[in-house]
Protein backbone atom coordinates (compact mmCIF):
# COMPACT_ATOMS: atom_id res chain seq x y z
CA MET A 1 -119.00 86.54 -85.75
CA ARG A 2 -117.18 88.80 -88.03
CA GLY A 3 -114.27 86.63 -89.12
CA PHE A 4 -114.22 84.58 -92.30
CA LEU A 5 -113.78 80.85 -92.62
CA ALA A 6 -110.96 81.54 -95.04
CA SER A 7 -108.97 83.34 -92.38
CA SER A 8 -106.21 81.45 -90.67
CA ILE A 9 -107.57 82.12 -87.23
CA GLY A 10 -110.60 79.94 -87.93
CA VAL A 11 -113.71 81.83 -86.95
CA THR A 12 -116.12 79.93 -84.79
CA CYS A 13 -119.59 80.96 -83.72
CA ALA A 14 -119.08 78.85 -80.72
CA ALA A 15 -115.84 77.16 -80.00
CA ALA A 16 -115.10 78.34 -76.46
CA LEU A 17 -112.97 75.24 -76.00
CA ALA A 18 -111.11 74.52 -72.79
CA LEU A 19 -107.41 74.59 -73.77
CA PRO A 20 -105.21 74.05 -70.73
CA LEU A 21 -102.24 76.35 -70.93
CA THR A 22 -100.82 75.67 -67.50
CA SER A 23 -99.51 72.59 -65.80
CA PRO A 24 -101.99 70.38 -63.91
CA ALA A 25 -100.41 71.46 -60.65
CA ALA A 26 -100.91 75.12 -61.42
CA ALA A 27 -104.49 74.49 -62.45
CA THR A 28 -105.46 72.97 -59.11
CA VAL A 29 -103.73 75.15 -56.55
CA ALA A 30 -106.10 75.74 -53.65
CA ARG A 31 -106.76 79.28 -52.52
CA PRO A 32 -105.17 80.38 -49.25
CA ALA A 33 -107.21 79.88 -46.11
CA PRO A 34 -107.77 83.60 -45.40
CA THR A 35 -109.79 83.97 -48.61
CA ALA A 36 -111.71 80.70 -48.33
CA GLN A 37 -114.72 82.69 -47.18
CA VAL A 38 -115.04 85.80 -49.33
CA SER A 39 -115.83 88.85 -47.23
CA ALA A 40 -117.28 92.16 -48.36
CA ARG A 41 -113.84 93.64 -47.77
CA SER A 42 -112.03 91.10 -49.98
CA VAL A 43 -114.42 91.24 -52.94
CA ASP A 44 -113.59 93.70 -55.69
CA PRO A 45 -115.22 97.04 -54.78
CA GLY A 46 -116.54 97.43 -58.34
CA ALA A 47 -118.48 94.18 -58.17
CA ALA A 48 -122.24 94.22 -57.94
CA ALA A 49 -123.96 93.17 -54.75
CA ALA A 50 -124.14 89.43 -54.15
CA VAL A 51 -127.69 89.04 -55.41
CA PRO A 52 -128.76 85.76 -57.05
CA GLY A 53 -129.54 86.49 -60.66
CA SER A 54 -127.15 89.40 -61.24
CA THR A 55 -124.16 90.55 -63.30
CA GLN A 56 -120.84 91.84 -62.01
CA SER A 57 -119.15 94.10 -64.55
CA LEU A 58 -115.44 94.80 -64.04
CA PRO A 59 -113.34 97.03 -66.35
CA LEU A 60 -110.21 95.48 -67.86
CA THR A 61 -106.91 97.26 -67.49
CA PRO A 62 -103.51 96.97 -69.24
CA LEU A 63 -101.43 94.12 -67.85
CA GLY A 64 -98.15 95.32 -69.34
CA ALA A 65 -95.41 93.23 -70.87
CA ASP A 66 -95.66 89.50 -70.31
CA ARG A 67 -92.92 87.34 -71.75
CA SER A 68 -95.20 84.35 -71.93
CA LEU A 69 -97.57 86.33 -74.17
CA GLY A 70 -95.07 88.15 -76.34
CA SER A 71 -95.19 91.88 -76.91
CA ALA A 72 -98.82 92.14 -78.00
CA THR A 73 -101.16 94.52 -76.23
CA VAL A 74 -102.67 92.74 -73.25
CA GLN A 75 -105.55 93.76 -71.01
CA GLY A 76 -107.18 91.81 -68.24
CA LEU A 77 -107.63 91.29 -64.54
CA PRO A 78 -105.23 89.61 -62.14
CA ARG A 79 -106.61 86.94 -59.81
CA ARG A 80 -109.24 88.35 -57.51
CA ASP A 81 -112.12 87.41 -55.26
CA VAL A 82 -115.58 88.18 -56.61
CA HIS A 83 -119.16 87.36 -55.76
CA ARG A 84 -120.53 84.03 -56.89
CA PHE A 85 -120.94 83.56 -60.66
CA SER A 86 -121.24 80.70 -63.17
CA MET A 87 -120.85 82.30 -66.61
CA VAL A 88 -118.27 84.75 -67.92
CA GLY A 89 -117.78 86.87 -71.03
CA VAL A 90 -115.93 89.97 -72.22
CA VAL A 91 -117.95 92.96 -73.47
CA TRP A 92 -116.97 96.19 -75.22
CA ASP A 93 -118.62 99.39 -76.42
CA ASP A 94 -119.03 99.14 -80.19
CA PRO A 95 -120.93 96.11 -81.58
CA ASP A 96 -119.47 96.80 -85.05
CA THR A 97 -115.88 96.50 -83.79
CA ALA A 98 -114.37 93.02 -83.75
CA LEU A 99 -112.03 91.71 -81.09
CA HIS A 100 -109.10 90.30 -83.05
CA GLY A 101 -107.11 88.31 -80.58
CA ARG A 102 -107.39 85.79 -77.80
CA VAL A 103 -109.40 85.83 -74.58
CA GLU A 104 -108.43 83.44 -71.79
CA VAL A 105 -110.05 83.00 -68.41
CA ARG A 106 -109.64 80.87 -65.34
CA ALA A 107 -112.03 80.57 -62.43
CA ARG A 108 -111.86 79.37 -58.83
CA ALA A 109 -114.44 76.72 -57.96
CA LEU A 110 -116.74 77.75 -55.14
CA ASP A 111 -116.90 74.31 -53.52
CA SER A 112 -113.26 73.18 -53.71
CA GLY A 113 -111.37 76.46 -53.88
CA THR A 114 -109.22 75.21 -56.77
CA TRP A 115 -108.35 77.20 -59.86
CA SER A 116 -109.18 75.84 -63.30
CA ALA A 117 -106.77 75.71 -66.19
CA TRP A 118 -106.86 78.61 -68.62
CA GLN A 119 -109.80 78.34 -71.02
CA ASP A 120 -110.30 80.13 -74.32
CA ILE A 121 -113.47 82.18 -74.81
CA GLU A 122 -114.79 82.40 -78.37
CA THR A 123 -114.26 85.96 -79.56
CA HIS A 124 -116.22 85.96 -82.84
CA TYR A 125 -119.77 86.33 -81.58
CA GLY A 126 -121.02 89.29 -83.61
CA ASP A 127 -122.96 87.24 -86.17
CA ASP A 128 -125.41 86.13 -83.50
CA GLY A 129 -127.68 89.13 -83.36
CA ALA A 130 -130.46 91.23 -84.81
CA ASP A 131 -130.35 92.16 -88.49
CA PRO A 132 -128.84 95.51 -89.52
CA ASP A 133 -131.21 98.49 -89.53
CA THR A 134 -133.77 96.78 -87.28
CA ALA A 135 -135.07 98.47 -84.14
CA GLU A 136 -133.32 95.91 -81.94
CA ARG A 137 -129.97 96.48 -83.63
CA THR A 138 -130.21 100.29 -83.64
CA SER A 139 -131.54 100.70 -80.09
CA GLY A 140 -128.29 102.23 -78.86
CA ARG A 141 -127.97 99.53 -76.19
CA VAL A 142 -126.25 96.85 -78.27
CA ARG A 143 -122.60 96.11 -77.46
CA GLY A 144 -119.86 93.91 -78.79
CA ALA A 145 -119.13 90.73 -76.84
CA THR A 146 -117.43 87.39 -76.82
CA ALA A 147 -119.45 84.23 -76.43
CA PRO A 148 -120.37 83.51 -72.80
CA LEU A 149 -118.52 80.59 -71.20
CA TRP A 150 -120.07 78.37 -68.53
CA VAL A 151 -117.55 77.73 -65.72
CA GLY A 152 -119.83 76.49 -62.93
CA ASP A 153 -120.21 78.02 -59.47
CA SER A 154 -117.12 80.14 -58.87
CA ASP A 155 -115.96 82.97 -56.61
CA GLY A 156 -112.59 83.91 -58.08
CA VAL A 157 -111.54 84.95 -61.58
CA GLU A 158 -108.54 85.89 -63.70
CA VAL A 159 -108.65 87.01 -67.33
CA ARG A 160 -106.29 88.17 -70.04
CA VAL A 161 -107.09 89.53 -73.49
CA ARG A 162 -104.30 89.53 -76.06
CA ALA A 163 -104.45 91.47 -79.31
CA ALA A 164 -103.61 89.63 -82.53
CA ALA A 165 -100.37 91.46 -83.38
CA GLU A 166 -98.09 88.53 -82.59
CA THR A 167 -100.11 86.09 -84.70
CA ARG A 168 -99.27 88.05 -87.89
CA GLU A 169 -102.59 86.97 -89.43
CA LEU A 170 -104.43 90.27 -89.50
CA GLY A 171 -101.67 92.82 -89.96
CA ALA A 172 -100.62 95.69 -87.75
CA GLU A 173 -103.80 97.64 -88.42
CA ALA A 174 -105.87 95.01 -86.59
CA THR A 175 -103.85 94.87 -83.37
CA ALA A 176 -105.79 97.41 -81.32
CA LEU A 177 -108.24 96.00 -78.81
CA PRO A 178 -111.80 97.41 -78.75
CA SER A 179 -112.47 100.28 -76.38
CA GLY A 180 -114.38 99.85 -73.17
CA LEU A 181 -113.38 96.23 -72.51
CA ARG A 182 -114.96 94.80 -69.40
CA LEU A 183 -115.47 91.41 -67.83
CA ASP A 184 -119.06 90.40 -67.13
CA LEU A 185 -119.62 87.69 -64.51
CA VAL A 186 -123.13 86.27 -64.60
CA ASP A 187 -124.93 84.60 -61.74
CA PRO A 188 -128.01 83.02 -63.38
CA GLY A 189 -129.75 82.78 -60.02
CA GLU A 190 -132.42 80.27 -59.07
CA ALA A 191 -135.67 79.79 -60.95
CA ALA A 192 -138.20 82.09 -59.29
CA LEU A 193 -141.09 80.46 -57.44
CA PRO A 194 -144.63 81.76 -57.85
CA GLN A 195 -145.47 84.50 -55.40
CA GLY A 196 -146.56 83.14 -52.06
CA SER A 197 -144.81 79.77 -52.48
CA PRO A 198 -142.68 78.63 -49.51
CA ALA A 199 -138.96 78.25 -50.03
CA GLY A 200 -138.08 74.85 -51.45
CA ALA A 201 -141.58 74.27 -52.79
CA PRO A 202 -141.78 72.54 -56.18
CA ARG A 203 -142.66 74.64 -59.22
CA ALA A 204 -146.38 74.79 -59.84
CA ARG A 205 -147.69 72.92 -62.87
CA GLY A 206 -150.15 75.64 -63.78
CA GLY A 207 -151.60 78.99 -62.80
CA LEU A 208 -149.84 82.30 -62.31
CA GLY A 209 -151.79 83.92 -59.49
CA ALA A 210 -150.44 87.41 -58.84
CA GLU A 211 -147.44 87.03 -61.13
CA ALA A 212 -145.95 90.02 -62.95
CA PRO A 213 -147.74 90.98 -66.19
CA GLU A 214 -144.63 90.10 -68.21
CA ALA A 215 -144.77 86.51 -66.89
CA VAL A 216 -148.48 86.27 -67.63
CA ALA A 217 -147.95 87.54 -71.18
CA ALA A 218 -145.13 85.10 -71.90
CA SER A 219 -147.21 82.19 -70.70
CA ALA A 220 -150.38 83.38 -72.43
CA ALA A 221 -148.53 83.35 -75.75
CA ASN A 222 -148.63 79.54 -75.48
CA ALA A 223 -152.24 79.37 -74.27
CA ALA A 224 -153.33 77.30 -77.29
CA LEU A 225 -150.80 74.63 -76.35
CA ALA A 226 -150.74 74.44 -72.55
CA PRO A 227 -152.51 75.87 -69.46
CA LEU A 228 -151.53 79.31 -68.25
CA GLY A 229 -148.45 79.03 -66.07
CA ALA A 230 -147.42 75.59 -67.34
CA ALA A 231 -143.77 74.66 -66.89
CA GLU A 232 -143.85 72.52 -70.02
CA ILE A 233 -145.80 71.96 -73.20
CA PRO A 234 -146.46 68.21 -73.38
CA ALA A 235 -145.73 66.01 -76.38
CA LEU A 236 -148.57 65.00 -78.69
CA ASP A 237 -148.97 62.05 -81.02
CA ARG A 238 -149.29 62.55 -84.77
CA ALA A 239 -153.10 62.53 -84.93
CA ARG A 240 -153.54 65.12 -82.17
CA THR A 241 -150.78 67.26 -83.66
CA GLU A 242 -152.57 67.32 -87.02
CA ARG A 243 -155.82 68.35 -85.36
CA GLU A 244 -154.03 71.05 -83.41
CA MET A 245 -152.38 72.29 -86.61
CA SER A 246 -155.78 72.84 -88.22
CA VAL A 247 -156.70 75.09 -85.28
CA LEU A 248 -153.40 76.95 -84.94
CA ARG A 249 -153.14 77.66 -88.66
CA ALA A 250 -156.83 77.91 -89.50
CA GLY A 251 -157.38 79.99 -92.62
CA GLU A 252 -153.70 79.85 -93.56
CA LEU A 253 -153.33 76.21 -94.59
CA THR A 254 -153.28 75.31 -98.27
CA GLU A 255 -155.70 72.75 -99.66
CA ARG A 256 -152.83 70.28 -99.89
CA GLN A 257 -151.92 70.81 -96.24
CA ARG A 258 -155.51 70.22 -95.19
CA ALA A 259 -155.78 67.06 -97.24
CA GLU A 260 -152.37 65.67 -96.37
CA PRO A 261 -150.70 67.35 -93.37
CA LYS A 262 -146.95 66.94 -93.29
CA ILE A 263 -145.99 67.65 -89.71
CA GLY A 264 -144.02 65.85 -87.05
CA PRO A 265 -145.60 65.05 -83.69
CA ARG A 266 -145.32 67.98 -81.30
CA PRO A 267 -142.36 67.36 -78.96
CA ARG A 268 -142.24 68.13 -75.26
CA ILE A 269 -140.98 71.69 -74.76
CA VAL A 270 -139.91 73.25 -71.45
CA THR A 271 -141.42 76.72 -71.31
CA ARG A 272 -139.68 79.90 -70.22
CA ARG A 273 -141.48 79.47 -66.91
CA GLY A 274 -140.08 75.95 -66.73
CA TRP A 275 -136.45 77.06 -67.05
CA GLY A 276 -136.99 80.04 -64.77
CA ALA A 277 -136.85 83.08 -67.04
CA ASN A 278 -137.04 86.41 -65.25
CA GLU A 279 -139.53 88.03 -67.60
CA LYS A 280 -138.76 91.51 -66.27
CA LEU A 281 -135.35 91.42 -67.97
CA ARG A 282 -136.65 91.42 -71.54
CA GLU A 283 -138.57 94.06 -73.45
CA LYS A 284 -142.30 93.70 -72.95
CA GLU A 285 -143.51 93.58 -76.55
CA PHE A 286 -143.29 90.53 -78.78
CA VAL A 287 -142.09 90.95 -82.37
CA TYR A 288 -143.12 88.57 -85.14
CA THR A 289 -142.10 87.81 -88.69
CA LYS A 290 -144.58 86.51 -91.30
CA LYS A 291 -143.76 82.80 -91.37
CA VAL A 292 -141.07 80.20 -90.67
CA LYS A 293 -139.45 79.04 -93.89
CA ALA A 294 -136.13 77.84 -92.51
CA ALA A 295 -134.30 76.82 -89.34
CA PHE A 296 -130.71 77.79 -88.55
CA VAL A 297 -128.85 75.47 -86.19
CA HIS A 298 -126.25 76.93 -83.80
CA HIS A 299 -124.10 75.97 -80.87
CA THR A 300 -123.93 78.32 -77.91
CA ALA A 301 -120.12 78.37 -77.41
CA THR A 302 -120.68 78.00 -73.67
CA GLY A 303 -118.59 74.82 -73.40
CA ASN A 304 -119.59 71.24 -72.69
CA GLY A 305 -118.88 71.06 -68.97
CA TYR A 306 -122.46 71.21 -67.75
CA ARG A 307 -124.82 68.54 -66.44
CA CYS A 308 -128.29 68.23 -67.92
CA SER A 309 -129.72 69.23 -64.54
CA GLN A 310 -127.78 72.50 -64.93
CA ALA A 311 -129.18 73.29 -68.39
CA PRO A 312 -131.87 75.68 -67.06
CA SER A 313 -129.15 77.61 -65.22
CA VAL A 314 -127.02 77.76 -68.37
CA ILE A 315 -130.00 79.11 -70.31
CA ARG A 316 -130.76 81.70 -67.63
CA GLY A 317 -127.12 82.75 -67.87
CA ILE A 318 -127.26 83.09 -71.66
CA TYR A 319 -130.53 85.01 -71.37
CA ARG A 320 -129.08 87.49 -68.88
CA TYR A 321 -125.89 87.84 -70.95
CA HIS A 322 -127.81 88.51 -74.17
CA VAL A 323 -130.04 91.12 -72.53
CA ARG A 324 -127.95 92.79 -69.83
CA SER A 325 -124.45 92.45 -71.29
CA MET A 326 -125.10 92.59 -75.05
CA GLY A 327 -128.17 94.83 -75.01
CA TRP A 328 -130.59 92.59 -76.92
CA ARG A 329 -134.34 92.71 -76.31
CA ASP A 330 -134.51 89.03 -75.22
CA ILE A 331 -132.53 85.83 -75.59
CA GLY A 332 -131.56 85.49 -79.25
CA TYR A 333 -132.56 81.90 -80.03
CA ASN A 334 -136.09 80.60 -80.59
CA PHE A 335 -135.29 77.18 -79.11
CA LEU A 336 -132.43 75.67 -77.11
CA ILE A 337 -131.54 71.99 -76.73
CA ASP A 338 -129.34 70.35 -74.09
CA LYS A 339 -127.14 67.27 -74.38
CA CYS A 340 -129.93 65.05 -73.04
CA GLY A 341 -132.25 66.13 -75.86
CA THR A 342 -134.56 68.36 -73.81
CA ILE A 343 -136.06 71.19 -75.87
CA TYR A 344 -136.52 74.63 -74.28
CA GLU A 345 -138.53 77.65 -75.38
CA GLY A 346 -136.27 80.56 -76.26
CA ARG A 347 -137.37 84.07 -77.20
CA ALA A 348 -140.79 84.91 -75.79
CA GLY A 349 -143.89 85.18 -77.94
CA GLY A 350 -145.16 81.63 -78.35
CA VAL A 351 -143.39 78.49 -79.55
CA ALA A 352 -145.89 77.88 -82.38
CA LYS A 353 -145.68 81.47 -83.63
CA PRO A 354 -143.16 83.08 -86.01
CA VAL A 355 -141.25 84.99 -83.32
CA LEU A 356 -138.49 87.19 -84.73
CA GLY A 357 -135.21 86.14 -83.15
CA ALA A 358 -131.64 87.48 -83.11
CA HIS A 359 -129.62 84.43 -84.09
CA THR A 360 -128.34 84.66 -87.68
CA LEU A 361 -127.21 88.13 -88.69
CA GLY A 362 -128.94 88.95 -91.97
CA PHE A 363 -131.41 86.05 -91.95
CA ASN A 364 -133.66 86.42 -88.90
CA THR A 365 -136.74 87.24 -90.96
CA ASN A 366 -138.96 84.23 -91.77
CA SER A 367 -136.64 81.84 -89.95
CA MET A 368 -136.04 80.39 -86.50
CA GLY A 369 -132.84 79.76 -84.57
CA ILE A 370 -132.14 76.54 -82.68
CA ALA A 371 -129.10 76.48 -80.38
CA VAL A 372 -127.60 73.30 -78.96
CA LEU A 373 -125.95 74.00 -75.59
CA GLY A 374 -122.24 73.34 -75.93
CA SER A 375 -119.24 73.74 -78.25
CA PHE A 376 -118.96 71.35 -81.18
CA GLY A 377 -115.88 72.33 -83.13
CA TYR A 378 -114.17 69.14 -81.97
CA THR A 379 -116.70 67.50 -79.66
CA ARG A 380 -119.48 65.41 -81.17
CA PRO A 381 -123.04 66.32 -80.19
CA THR A 382 -125.04 63.58 -78.48
CA SER A 383 -127.48 61.55 -80.56
CA ALA A 384 -130.22 62.79 -78.21
CA ALA A 385 -129.45 66.40 -79.12
CA VAL A 386 -129.42 65.70 -82.86
CA LYS A 387 -132.71 63.82 -82.57
CA ALA A 388 -134.20 66.76 -80.69
CA VAL A 389 -133.18 69.09 -83.53
CA ALA A 390 -135.08 66.79 -85.90
CA ARG A 391 -138.12 66.63 -83.65
CA VAL A 392 -138.55 70.36 -83.11
CA THR A 393 -137.92 71.20 -86.78
CA ALA A 394 -140.32 68.50 -88.00
CA TRP A 395 -143.06 70.05 -85.89
CA LYS A 396 -142.39 73.79 -86.23
CA LEU A 397 -141.50 73.72 -89.94
CA GLY A 398 -144.49 71.46 -90.52
CA LEU A 399 -146.81 74.13 -89.14
CA TYR A 400 -145.69 76.33 -92.02
CA GLY A 401 -145.58 73.66 -94.73
CA ALA A 402 -141.79 73.45 -95.01
CA ASN A 403 -140.01 70.25 -96.05
CA PRO A 404 -136.95 69.61 -93.85
CA ARG A 405 -135.09 68.07 -96.81
CA GLY A 406 -136.02 70.91 -99.15
CA LYS A 407 -134.62 74.26 -100.21
CA THR A 408 -136.06 77.73 -99.72
CA TYR A 409 -135.26 81.36 -100.48
CA LEU A 410 -134.60 84.00 -97.85
CA LYS A 411 -133.80 87.65 -98.48
CA SER A 412 -130.56 88.76 -96.88
CA GLY A 413 -130.69 91.63 -94.45
CA GLY A 414 -126.96 92.16 -94.91
CA GLY A 415 -123.93 90.19 -93.76
CA ASN A 416 -120.46 89.05 -94.72
CA LEU A 417 -121.60 86.38 -97.20
CA TYR A 418 -124.57 87.97 -98.94
CA ARG A 419 -125.31 91.61 -99.64
CA LYS A 420 -128.48 93.18 -98.33
CA GLY A 421 -131.51 92.45 -100.50
CA ARG A 422 -130.15 89.37 -102.22
CA ASN A 423 -132.46 86.34 -102.43
CA VAL A 424 -130.43 83.39 -101.22
CA ARG A 425 -131.26 79.73 -101.81
CA LEU A 426 -130.68 77.77 -98.59
CA ASN A 427 -131.45 74.41 -97.05
CA VAL A 428 -134.66 74.53 -95.05
CA ILE A 429 -132.52 73.21 -92.17
CA SER A 430 -129.26 75.12 -92.41
CA GLY A 431 -126.27 75.64 -90.19
CA HIS A 432 -125.38 79.14 -89.07
CA ARG A 433 -122.37 79.05 -91.39
CA ASP A 434 -124.69 78.75 -94.40
CA GLY A 435 -125.94 82.30 -93.87
CA PHE A 436 -122.79 83.90 -92.48
CA SER A 437 -119.09 83.18 -92.81
CA THR A 438 -118.46 81.42 -89.51
CA ALA A 439 -117.68 77.92 -88.30
CA CYS A 440 -120.88 77.81 -86.23
CA PRO A 441 -122.47 75.39 -85.33
CA GLY A 442 -119.09 73.68 -85.14
CA TRP A 443 -118.00 71.06 -87.64
CA GLN A 444 -119.08 68.09 -85.52
CA LEU A 445 -122.67 69.39 -85.26
CA TYR A 446 -122.78 70.73 -88.81
CA ARG A 447 -121.91 67.33 -90.24
CA LYS A 448 -124.95 65.87 -88.43
CA LEU A 449 -127.45 68.18 -90.12
CA GLY A 450 -127.99 65.78 -93.00
CA SER A 451 -129.14 63.16 -90.51
CA ALA A 452 -131.37 65.72 -88.78
CA ARG A 453 -132.98 66.64 -92.12
CA SER A 454 -133.72 63.01 -93.00
CA THR A 455 -135.08 62.22 -89.54
CA ALA A 456 -137.25 65.36 -89.49
CA ALA A 457 -138.68 64.49 -92.90
CA ARG A 458 -139.48 60.99 -91.68
CA TYR A 459 -141.26 62.43 -88.64
CA GLN A 460 -143.35 64.50 -91.06
CA GLY A 461 -144.31 61.37 -92.98
CA ARG A 462 -142.31 62.26 -96.10
């Protein structure tokens, strides 16, 4: 997210708030009967085939003058039928070009055929990503993008993107929209069953059989914690966690850590297999940093209108958006947490290992990123989600001897707050805004980080 907190437009890493801009009647008009069942003829010809787990990418075009929007440059798509999708975002060519303006979308619900009110999509999403000059950032595949917004199962869409000229906040030089604007509609698909399983069969608790090598590798990275193919890593009590720590970190623990381990009990973690990651989407290799000295807390900007049972689908949508739409090597966050407090494995490589993420531009090295599903600029996070932040940080930071209530130093890789190479003193549990000028993780979640630090320290026995 490239904007500054000091700016009058209020940068947010994840606000994506639903702001109704039409009357209730207009927001719930049912689609006409002829389009109730979308045919191949009625769907936009540029849309991808209706394959579960896919992305439709539609170019935006000028919409012309619109009195309701003023005279600013406007691009978008008029209402149209599309294949089924649940998540939406706007993407453009250059990741170093910001979208200064407003993005609004409305979707038609698949089950009822009614159109939603207009919803704002968070535009300042560029500070979630790989550090400058890293292989992931300079791959040539990375693109600029808004945050993805979860809209639920839908089969119709309308979008408009307005440049910032009329707001008078950024000046005339900032009114041009980025080139190559397109709308990406993500269908997260269903969680894949093991090969040979009948349709509707429950997910296996263990074993991978003839699974793809990428799936085997992702699961094997957690082999010290759970059986191969496990859908979850079970919780442990304090005593067993301390014994496990001595094995996982053998030869790296200090004398003090051996004598008096300070680590929270390992929480239950849903693995990538558990939330249904398609391991063929990501790059095959795992990339690691040296240690985990700090945790950055984020919100995903995907909105709060999901049920906990839908959280795996939301995560699959974010994963596909990060990789296919934005060009990252894998999902950016190391962990994700839903409103019910369930913790999910993020970027592949092993939950106990120092996997290099793409979550806090300039500070991905020697840190981890934890994203709470939702938008918390104005909405309070649930107590279950805040507790889960404390639980996962108490355990993971404890593996590396970090005190959740302490301070640490990280070297900046470059960003809009700290120049490249500067050693920056940060809270061991920081918000995204502490490393980059952004409102992420939203004020309502950020103000809960003090509680998360205290609770995490208590879990560690401090």
